Every structure is written in C-alpha cells, then in structure tokens.
Amino acid sequence: MLKKLLIALCFLAAPLCASAQLIYPMPKARPLFSMRDTTSIFIIGDVMMHSRQLEYDCETFLKYISPAMQEANFCIANMEFPLGGPPYTGYPAFSTPDWYPEYVARCGADVFLLANNHVLDKGLAGFKRTLRVYDRQADSLGIQYTGVGDEPLILHRRGLSIALVNFSYGTNIGPEVSSPDILRMRKADVKRCIKKAEKQGADFIVALPHWGVEYSLRHSDAQKEWAEWLVTQGCCAVVGAHPHVVQDTTHIAGVPVIYSMGNAVSNMSAINTRLELAVTLRFVYDHVTGEKTMLEPQIDWMWCTLPDMLTGSYSTIFIKEWATRRSEWLNPSDFDNMMATLERVRQATGIE
C-alpha cells in the first residue's frame, strides 16, 4: 500500500518538475570570445646605442615602459644602428652588440624597423651581418623586421591584417653606394610596396617613414607633401621618426599623422631630445558585421633619464606615471627639466 502511494506522489510531482524547467530555462550559448576584437600596436621611436650607453647596464633602459610594450599585441621599435660586430662604436658610425636587440625583444618589442639613415653605418658588409643576426633572432625570439626590400610586413591577428610600410629618406653612406635592400623614400618604390600590401589583402596600411629635419619641432613642407601623398595611396596612419625630437601632429582627410615620435632611448642631451612619444594604434574587428575600423591613436609622453638622474643608468619613463614623484629622483633638477621641456614642446607642437 505504501509503495503504491509513493508511486502516485511521483506522478503528481512530475508536472511540477516540468513547470520548474519552464520557469528556469537553460542559458543561451555564448561565444568563447568577444564578437568585437581589438588589436593594439605600440610604437616607439629611435632605439639608439651611443658610446656612453655601452658603459652602462642596459636592464633599466626600457624597464619602465616594458609592461606597455608587452601588453600590446604588437610592439614596434626603430632600431637605429647596424649590428656590424666588434669593435663596438657609437655616433657617428654605429656598430651595436648583438645582445642589444635581444634585450629590446625581451622588453616586449617584436617588430624592428630597419629603414633608417644609420643602418648602413658599417657598409654593406655590416648591413648583411645585421640581417643574418636578425634572421637568427627571428627563429629564437620570434621577432620580425621590415624596411628591407619592397615587401610590406603584414601582421595577422584573428582575421585582421595590418601592413607596415617602413622607408627612409636615405642612409649616411650616400646614394653612390648601391643598396637596393633598403626601402628608400622614392614614390615609385613606396607605392609598389603599398600595392603589394593591398594585393595581399591588408585591411589597414600603416606608413612608418624615417624623414624630416633633425631637431625641428615642426614638420617640413616635404613631410607634409609626402604625408598627403601617403593618404591618397590608402594609408590609414603615418607615424614618423628621425628628427630626434617630437614634432607636431595632424589629420589629413581624417588620417592621423604623427610627424616624429622623437627618440626612445639615447645618450642625447641637446634641448628637447630627451622628450619622446609612444604611439598606440588600435584596430577593431566586429566579427558579426565584418566591420573593421581604426580608433583615434593614443599618444603618451615619455622622458629618457640619463645616468644618476632617476636611476644609476639610462631609463625611459612615462611622464604621467612620474609627474608627481619628484622626491624619487636622484637628481630632482632633472624632474624640473622634464616638466619644463614638456610644457615647452607642448606649446610648440600643439600636442596635449
């Protein structure tokens, strides 16, 4: 009798269970990743190795900006020197130890720009050695380099393709030396590189010129003409280097143009040469609509401290992270120099 009663209660409870299932339905399936994906590119200016820098431990050179370099999906650095082997030398004809780019890569850089005026400082033999070293480091460290030949470097991430076109106004050993490997600032050559990027299906093309007048806080007429031309060729952003100081920025037909980022790390101490920019480009891919857009660039001010100013060696820092920490300087007058330089260059360039 008890057994029959239990069975009857089970049948009575069944509709209640079914009702409960209707009240609390299973949640809908969700994608494993966001349907809007952002790819970031963090770009720094001239990475240099002057003779005095060779005397110091490089571990602090990029230590304080390394987290930002590593956080980005891609970090680009302009390597303004050849790896010509010993004896190691600084300005005016650089030859930098092989371990230096290894350090820069360890800090987070994974794309090296080679089209600059110092890359042939040790001649064609030094340049070929540089490429051999970078090829080995591409295998061991996963770095890539560009500015050599007329092939763009295309970065791929989750269905997004971003082409880098790096070229230089020239090299310090003059045009009489035949070096077809460096992408020069000739429109036919640069256009061919851009067209190759388009044929390879690049969603965005970023121009990275090595150009301009050294130590000038304002762009030249030649830079403006080239920037306008690059925009007509389909570049989505122009981010320049070479003048060793920060230059003004603008938009041309909606395309952002950063004429010069200045240095990244160096032994320079001339006026304005220690103030720098880091530029972050962000690209958004909506996997549902297929729309691909570039956001407005983020610009961060940096400062390269010399030995015994903030640390015992060279240290590049984000100014916004140190703007209220004067007491931590070994030499507080350098903090005052940093803030005065920032204000002066802001007024001259119009950059906030």
Protein backbone atom coordinates (compact mmCIF):
# COMPACT_ATOMS: atom_id res chain seq x y z
CA MET A 1 0.00 0.00 0.00
CA LEU A 2 2.85 2.39 0.91
CA LYS A 3 4.64 1.55 -2.31
CA LYS A 4 1.55 2.45 -4.39
CA LEU A 5 1.23 5.76 -2.50
CA LEU A 6 4.83 6.71 -3.29
CA ILE A 7 4.34 5.95 -6.99
CA ALA A 8 1.24 8.13 -7.06
CA LEU A 9 3.13 11.02 -5.43
CA CYS A 10 5.86 10.76 -8.08
CA PHE A 11 3.29 11.10 -10.85
CA LEU A 12 1.78 14.12 -9.13
CA ALA A 13 5.24 15.76 -8.79
CA ALA A 14 6.18 15.27 -12.45
CA PRO A 15 4.10 18.22 -13.76
CA LEU A 16 5.67 20.40 -11.08
CA CYS A 17 9.18 19.44 -12.30
CA ALA A 18 8.19 20.19 -15.88
CA SER A 19 6.80 23.53 -14.76
CA ALA A 20 10.04 24.31 -12.94
CA GLN A 21 12.00 23.60 -16.10
CA LEU A 22 9.87 26.13 -17.96
CA ILE A 23 10.39 28.78 -15.29
CA TYR A 24 14.19 28.30 -15.22
CA PRO A 25 15.30 27.63 -18.81
CA MET A 26 18.89 26.77 -19.69
CA PRO A 27 21.00 29.86 -20.52
CA LYS A 28 21.71 30.51 -24.18
CA ALA A 29 25.11 29.55 -25.55
CA ARG A 30 27.64 32.38 -25.56
CA PRO A 31 30.72 32.79 -27.81
CA LEU A 32 34.04 31.87 -26.26
CA PHE A 33 35.50 35.25 -27.27
CA SER A 34 34.09 38.75 -27.75
CA MET A 35 32.39 39.40 -31.06
CA ARG A 36 34.34 42.68 -31.19
CA ASP A 37 38.08 42.11 -31.16
CA THR A 38 40.68 44.87 -30.68
CA THR A 39 44.27 44.62 -31.92
CA SER A 40 46.80 47.08 -30.49
CA ILE A 41 50.14 48.23 -31.90
CA PHE A 42 52.54 50.09 -29.57
CA ILE A 43 55.22 52.10 -31.41
CA ILE A 44 58.36 53.74 -30.00
CA GLY A 45 60.95 55.91 -31.73
CA ASP A 46 64.69 55.70 -32.16
CA VAL A 47 66.37 52.99 -30.11
CA MET A 48 70.00 54.05 -30.06
CA MET A 49 73.28 52.89 -28.53
CA HIS A 50 75.75 55.73 -28.18
CA SER A 51 79.28 55.06 -26.96
CA ARG A 52 78.49 56.13 -23.39
CA GLN A 53 75.48 53.79 -23.28
CA LEU A 54 77.85 50.88 -23.85
CA GLU A 55 79.38 51.61 -20.45
CA TYR A 56 76.13 51.00 -18.55
CA ASP A 57 73.86 48.11 -17.71
CA CYS A 58 71.02 48.20 -20.24
CA GLU A 59 68.50 46.46 -17.97
CA THR A 60 66.87 49.74 -16.94
CA PHE A 61 66.86 51.30 -20.43
CA LEU A 62 63.29 50.22 -21.24
CA LYS A 63 62.34 48.63 -17.92
CA TYR A 64 59.66 51.16 -17.02
CA ILE A 65 57.87 51.08 -20.38
CA SER A 66 58.29 47.32 -20.85
CA PRO A 67 54.85 46.47 -19.39
CA ALA A 68 53.18 48.59 -22.08
CA MET A 69 55.40 47.03 -24.76
CA GLN A 70 54.42 43.55 -23.61
CA GLU A 71 50.73 44.33 -23.16
CA ALA A 72 50.26 45.36 -26.79
CA ASN A 73 49.51 42.71 -29.38
CA PHE A 74 52.43 44.06 -31.39
CA CYS A 75 55.27 46.39 -30.35
CA ILE A 76 57.34 48.21 -32.98
CA ALA A 77 60.76 49.78 -32.34
CA ASN A 78 63.00 51.74 -34.70
CA MET A 79 66.44 50.13 -34.40
CA GLU A 80 68.76 52.91 -35.47
CA PHE A 81 72.07 51.06 -35.76
CA PRO A 82 73.70 48.16 -37.59
CA LEU A 83 75.00 45.01 -35.90
CA GLY A 84 78.41 45.26 -37.52
CA GLY A 85 80.32 43.25 -34.93
CA PRO A 86 83.24 44.40 -32.75
CA PRO A 87 84.78 46.85 -32.16
CA TYR A 88 81.53 48.39 -30.95
CA THR A 89 81.12 52.06 -31.74
CA GLY A 90 78.62 54.88 -31.26
CA TYR A 91 77.96 58.06 -33.19
CA PRO A 92 78.70 58.91 -35.96
CA ALA A 93 79.13 55.36 -37.28
CA PHE A 94 77.31 52.90 -35.03
CA SER A 95 78.11 49.23 -34.50
CA THR A 96 75.97 47.79 -31.72
CA PRO A 97 76.40 44.47 -29.85
CA ASP A 98 74.11 41.62 -30.87
CA TRP A 99 72.75 41.35 -27.35
CA TYR A 100 71.11 44.78 -27.51
CA PRO A 101 68.23 43.85 -29.85
CA GLU A 102 67.82 40.68 -27.79
CA TYR A 103 67.25 42.93 -24.77
CA VAL A 104 64.77 45.11 -26.68
CA ALA A 105 62.87 41.99 -27.75
CA ARG A 106 62.86 40.71 -24.17
CA CYS A 107 61.28 44.02 -23.11
CA GLY A 108 58.41 43.36 -25.49
CA ALA A 109 59.35 44.55 -28.98
CA ASP A 110 58.55 42.04 -31.70
CA VAL A 111 58.87 44.18 -34.86
CA PHE A 112 62.10 46.02 -35.71
CA LEU A 113 62.20 48.89 -38.23
CA LEU A 114 65.42 48.86 -40.26
CA ALA A 115 64.89 51.62 -42.85
CA ASN A 116 66.86 54.46 -41.29
CA ASN A 117 69.94 56.55 -42.02
CA HIS A 118 72.28 54.64 -39.66
CA VAL A 119 71.60 51.05 -40.73
CA LEU A 120 74.44 51.15 -43.30
CA ASP A 121 76.98 52.82 -41.00
CA LYS A 122 79.27 49.79 -41.34
CA GLY A 123 78.77 49.45 -45.06
CA LEU A 124 77.15 46.65 -47.00
CA ALA A 125 79.12 44.01 -45.09
CA GLY A 126 77.83 45.35 -41.78
CA PHE A 127 74.30 45.51 -43.17
CA LYS A 128 74.40 41.92 -44.38
CA ARG A 129 75.70 40.83 -40.98
CA THR A 130 72.82 42.75 -39.37
CA LEU A 131 70.30 40.81 -41.43
CA ARG A 132 71.94 37.50 -40.54
CA VAL A 133 71.72 38.31 -36.84
CA TYR A 134 68.09 39.37 -37.11
CA ASP A 135 67.26 36.24 -39.07
CA ARG A 136 68.71 34.13 -36.24
CA GLN A 137 66.78 36.16 -33.68
CA ALA A 138 63.60 35.73 -35.71
CA ASP A 139 63.96 31.99 -35.12
CA SER A 140 65.00 32.19 -31.47
CA LEU A 141 62.99 35.22 -30.27
CA GLY A 142 60.14 35.41 -32.76
CA ILE A 143 60.97 38.97 -33.84
CA GLN A 144 60.18 40.29 -37.32
CA TYR A 145 61.79 43.14 -39.20
CA THR A 146 60.82 45.39 -42.09
CA GLY A 147 62.15 48.24 -44.21
CA VAL A 148 64.22 45.85 -46.34
CA GLY A 149 63.23 45.38 -49.98
CA ASP A 150 59.82 46.44 -51.27
CA GLU A 151 57.79 43.84 -49.40
CA PRO A 152 55.45 45.09 -46.67
CA LEU A 153 55.35 43.32 -43.33
CA ILE A 154 51.81 42.16 -42.68
CA LEU A 155 50.72 41.46 -39.12
CA HIS A 156 47.88 38.95 -38.71
CA ARG A 157 45.58 38.54 -35.73
CA ARG A 158 42.13 36.89 -35.58
CA GLY A 159 41.14 37.69 -39.13
CA LEU A 160 42.68 41.18 -39.15
CA SER A 161 45.62 42.09 -41.41
CA ILE A 162 47.72 45.23 -40.82
CA ALA A 163 50.53 46.09 -43.25
CA LEU A 164 53.63 48.04 -42.21
CA VAL A 165 55.49 50.10 -44.81
CA ASN A 166 58.82 51.39 -43.46
CA PHE A 167 61.11 53.56 -45.61
CA SER A 168 63.95 56.08 -45.17
CA TYR A 169 64.98 59.31 -46.87
CA GLY A 170 68.46 57.80 -47.24
CA THR A 171 71.49 56.46 -45.42
CA ASN A 172 74.67 58.05 -44.13
CA ILE A 173 76.98 56.37 -46.65
CA GLY A 174 75.37 58.22 -49.53
CA PRO A 175 73.46 57.37 -52.70
CA GLU A 176 76.62 56.35 -54.53
CA VAL A 177 76.57 53.00 -52.69
CA SER A 178 74.27 50.57 -54.42
CA SER A 179 71.93 49.15 -51.80
CA PRO A 180 68.59 48.10 -53.25
CA ASP A 181 67.74 46.34 -49.99
CA ILE A 182 66.73 49.46 -48.03
CA LEU A 183 63.31 50.84 -48.98
CA ARG A 184 64.10 54.41 -49.95
CA MET A 185 61.88 57.47 -49.92
CA ARG A 186 61.05 57.26 -53.61
CA LYS A 187 57.39 57.32 -54.51
CA ALA A 188 57.60 54.61 -57.14
CA ASP A 189 59.23 52.22 -54.67
CA VAL A 190 56.94 53.08 -51.75
CA LYS A 191 53.87 52.85 -53.98
CA ARG A 192 54.94 49.40 -55.15
CA CYS A 193 55.20 48.28 -51.51
CA ILE A 194 51.75 49.70 -50.73
CA LYS A 195 50.22 47.99 -53.77
CA LYS A 196 51.71 44.67 -52.66
CA ALA A 197 50.05 45.13 -49.28
CA GLU A 198 46.72 45.73 -50.99
CA LYS A 199 47.12 42.65 -53.18
CA GLN A 200 47.86 40.57 -50.10
CA GLY A 201 44.54 41.66 -48.61
CA ALA A 202 45.73 44.08 -45.93
CA ASP A 203 42.83 45.66 -44.07
CA PHE A 204 44.97 48.60 -42.96
CA ILE A 205 48.28 50.06 -44.14
CA VAL A 206 50.47 51.97 -41.67
CA ALA A 207 53.27 54.13 -43.10
CA LEU A 208 56.41 54.37 -40.94
CA PRO A 209 58.74 56.90 -42.61
CA HIS A 210 62.22 57.91 -41.46
CA TRP A 211 62.22 61.55 -42.55
CA GLY A 212 62.24 65.22 -41.62
CA VAL A 213 64.65 67.86 -40.35
CA GLU A 214 66.62 66.90 -37.26
CA TYR A 215 65.85 68.83 -34.05
CA SER A 216 62.94 70.75 -35.63
CA LEU A 217 59.72 70.70 -33.60
CA ARG A 218 57.62 71.39 -36.69
CA HIS A 219 57.25 69.27 -39.79
CA SER A 220 58.78 70.39 -43.08
CA ASP A 221 56.98 71.13 -46.35
CA ALA A 222 58.45 67.91 -47.76
CA GLN A 223 56.98 65.88 -44.89
CA LYS A 224 53.57 67.46 -45.43
CA GLU A 225 53.64 66.72 -49.16
CA TRP A 226 54.65 63.12 -48.52
CA ALA A 227 52.01 62.68 -45.81
CA GLU A 228 49.31 63.95 -48.17
CA TRP A 229 50.53 61.56 -50.85
CA LEU A 230 50.58 58.59 -48.46
CA VAL A 231 46.96 59.32 -47.53
CA THR A 232 45.95 59.29 -51.21
CA GLN A 233 47.66 55.89 -51.52
CA GLY A 234 45.38 54.42 -48.86
CA CYS A 235 47.48 54.57 -45.67
CA CYS A 236 45.36 54.68 -42.51
CA ALA A 237 48.07 56.27 -40.33
CA VAL A 238 51.50 57.87 -40.70
CA VAL A 239 53.93 57.57 -37.77
CA GLY A 240 57.38 59.05 -38.36
CA ALA A 241 60.85 59.05 -36.83
CA HIS A 242 64.34 60.53 -37.36
CA PRO A 243 64.31 64.18 -36.13
CA HIS A 244 65.25 63.04 -32.55
CA VAL A 245 62.61 65.40 -31.16
CA VAL A 246 58.83 65.30 -31.04
CA GLN A 247 57.14 67.09 -33.93
CA ASP A 248 53.57 68.32 -34.34
CA THR A 249 50.68 66.03 -35.26
CA THR A 250 47.68 66.50 -37.53
CA HIS A 251 44.94 64.78 -39.52
CA ILE A 252 44.84 64.74 -43.30
CA ALA A 253 41.45 63.73 -44.72
CA GLY A 254 40.76 62.09 -41.37
CA VAL A 255 44.04 60.14 -41.34
CA PRO A 256 46.23 60.73 -38.26
CA VAL A 257 49.79 61.89 -38.94
CA ILE A 258 52.42 61.84 -36.17
CA TYR A 259 55.36 63.52 -37.87
CA SER A 260 58.00 62.45 -35.33
CA MET A 261 57.98 60.44 -32.11
CA GLY A 262 61.49 61.52 -31.14
CA ASN A 263 63.91 59.08 -29.54
CA ALA A 264 63.09 56.04 -27.43
CA VAL A 265 66.41 55.74 -25.61
CA SER A 266 69.69 57.51 -26.33
CA ASN A 267 72.54 59.48 -24.79
CA MET A 268 71.36 62.72 -26.37
CA SER A 269 71.14 65.74 -24.09
CA ALA A 270 70.57 68.60 -26.54
CA ILE A 271 67.43 70.64 -25.96
CA ASN A 272 64.17 68.69 -26.47
CA THR A 273 65.92 65.42 -27.45
CA ARG A 274 65.02 63.59 -24.23
CA LEU A 275 61.27 64.16 -24.59
CA GLU A 276 59.53 61.45 -26.59
CA LEU A 277 56.23 59.95 -27.70
CA ALA A 278 54.86 56.45 -27.66
CA VAL A 279 52.02 55.89 -30.13
CA THR A 280 49.35 53.22 -29.73
CA LEU A 281 47.18 52.30 -32.70
CA ARG A 282 44.06 50.20 -32.08
CA PHE A 283 42.07 48.35 -34.70
CA VAL A 284 38.60 46.92 -34.03
CA TYR A 285 37.10 43.97 -35.90
CA ASP A 286 33.40 43.24 -35.45
CA HIS A 287 33.09 39.54 -36.21
CA VAL A 288 29.30 39.79 -36.63
CA THR A 289 29.07 42.69 -39.09
CA GLY A 290 32.53 42.24 -40.58
CA GLU A 291 33.26 45.93 -39.97
CA LYS A 292 36.93 46.84 -39.40
CA THR A 293 37.82 50.26 -38.00
CA MET A 294 40.82 52.09 -36.55
CA LEU A 295 40.39 54.13 -33.38
CA GLU A 296 41.99 57.50 -32.74
CA PRO A 297 45.68 56.98 -31.82
CA GLN A 298 46.72 57.18 -28.20
CA ILE A 299 49.78 59.35 -27.58
CA ASP A 300 51.84 59.07 -24.38
CA TRP A 301 54.66 61.39 -23.41
CA MET A 302 57.94 59.80 -22.33
CA TRP A 303 61.28 61.04 -20.97
CA CYS A 304 64.71 59.46 -21.23
CA THR A 305 66.60 59.93 -17.98
CA LEU A 306 70.40 59.90 -18.13
CA PRO A 307 72.63 58.10 -15.60
CA ASP A 308 72.37 59.27 -11.99
CA MET A 309 69.23 61.31 -12.68
CA LEU A 310 66.48 58.84 -11.75
CA THR A 311 68.47 55.60 -11.68
CA GLY A 312 72.12 54.74 -11.97
CA SER A 313 71.72 54.10 -15.71
CA TYR A 314 69.51 55.25 -18.59
CA SER A 315 65.77 54.85 -18.02
CA THR A 316 62.88 55.76 -20.30
CA ILE A 317 59.69 56.51 -18.37
CA PHE A 318 56.07 57.53 -18.95
CA ILE A 319 55.78 61.09 -17.70
CA LYS A 320 52.20 60.59 -16.47
CA GLU A 321 53.44 57.86 -14.12
CA TRP A 322 56.20 60.04 -12.63
CA ALA A 323 54.73 63.55 -12.79
CA THR A 324 54.12 63.72 -9.02
CA ARG A 325 57.18 61.78 -7.85
CA ARG A 326 59.92 64.41 -7.81
CA SER A 327 61.21 63.16 -4.45
CA GLU A 328 62.20 59.83 -6.04
CA TRP A 329 64.72 61.42 -8.41
CA LEU A 330 68.38 61.04 -7.55
CA ASN A 331 68.76 64.47 -9.09
CA PRO A 332 65.45 66.38 -8.69
CA SER A 333 66.62 69.10 -11.09
CA ASP A 334 66.12 66.57 -13.88
CA PHE A 335 62.47 66.27 -12.88
CA ASP A 336 62.20 70.04 -13.25
CA ASN A 337 63.91 69.80 -16.65
CA MET A 338 61.44 67.13 -17.74
CA MET A 339 58.37 69.16 -16.80
CA ALA A 340 59.73 72.38 -18.33
CA THR A 341 60.60 70.56 -21.57
CA LEU A 342 57.15 69.00 -21.69
CA GLU A 343 55.47 72.39 -21.38
CA ARG A 344 57.77 74.00 -23.97
CA VAL A 345 57.28 71.25 -26.57
CA ARG A 346 53.54 71.11 -25.97
CA GLN A 347 53.27 74.79 -26.75
CA ALA A 348 55.44 74.46 -29.87
CA THR A 349 53.69 71.39 -31.27
CA GLY A 350 50.13 71.82 -30.03
CA ILE A 351 50.08 68.25 -28.69
CA GLU A 352 48.20 67.84 -25.41
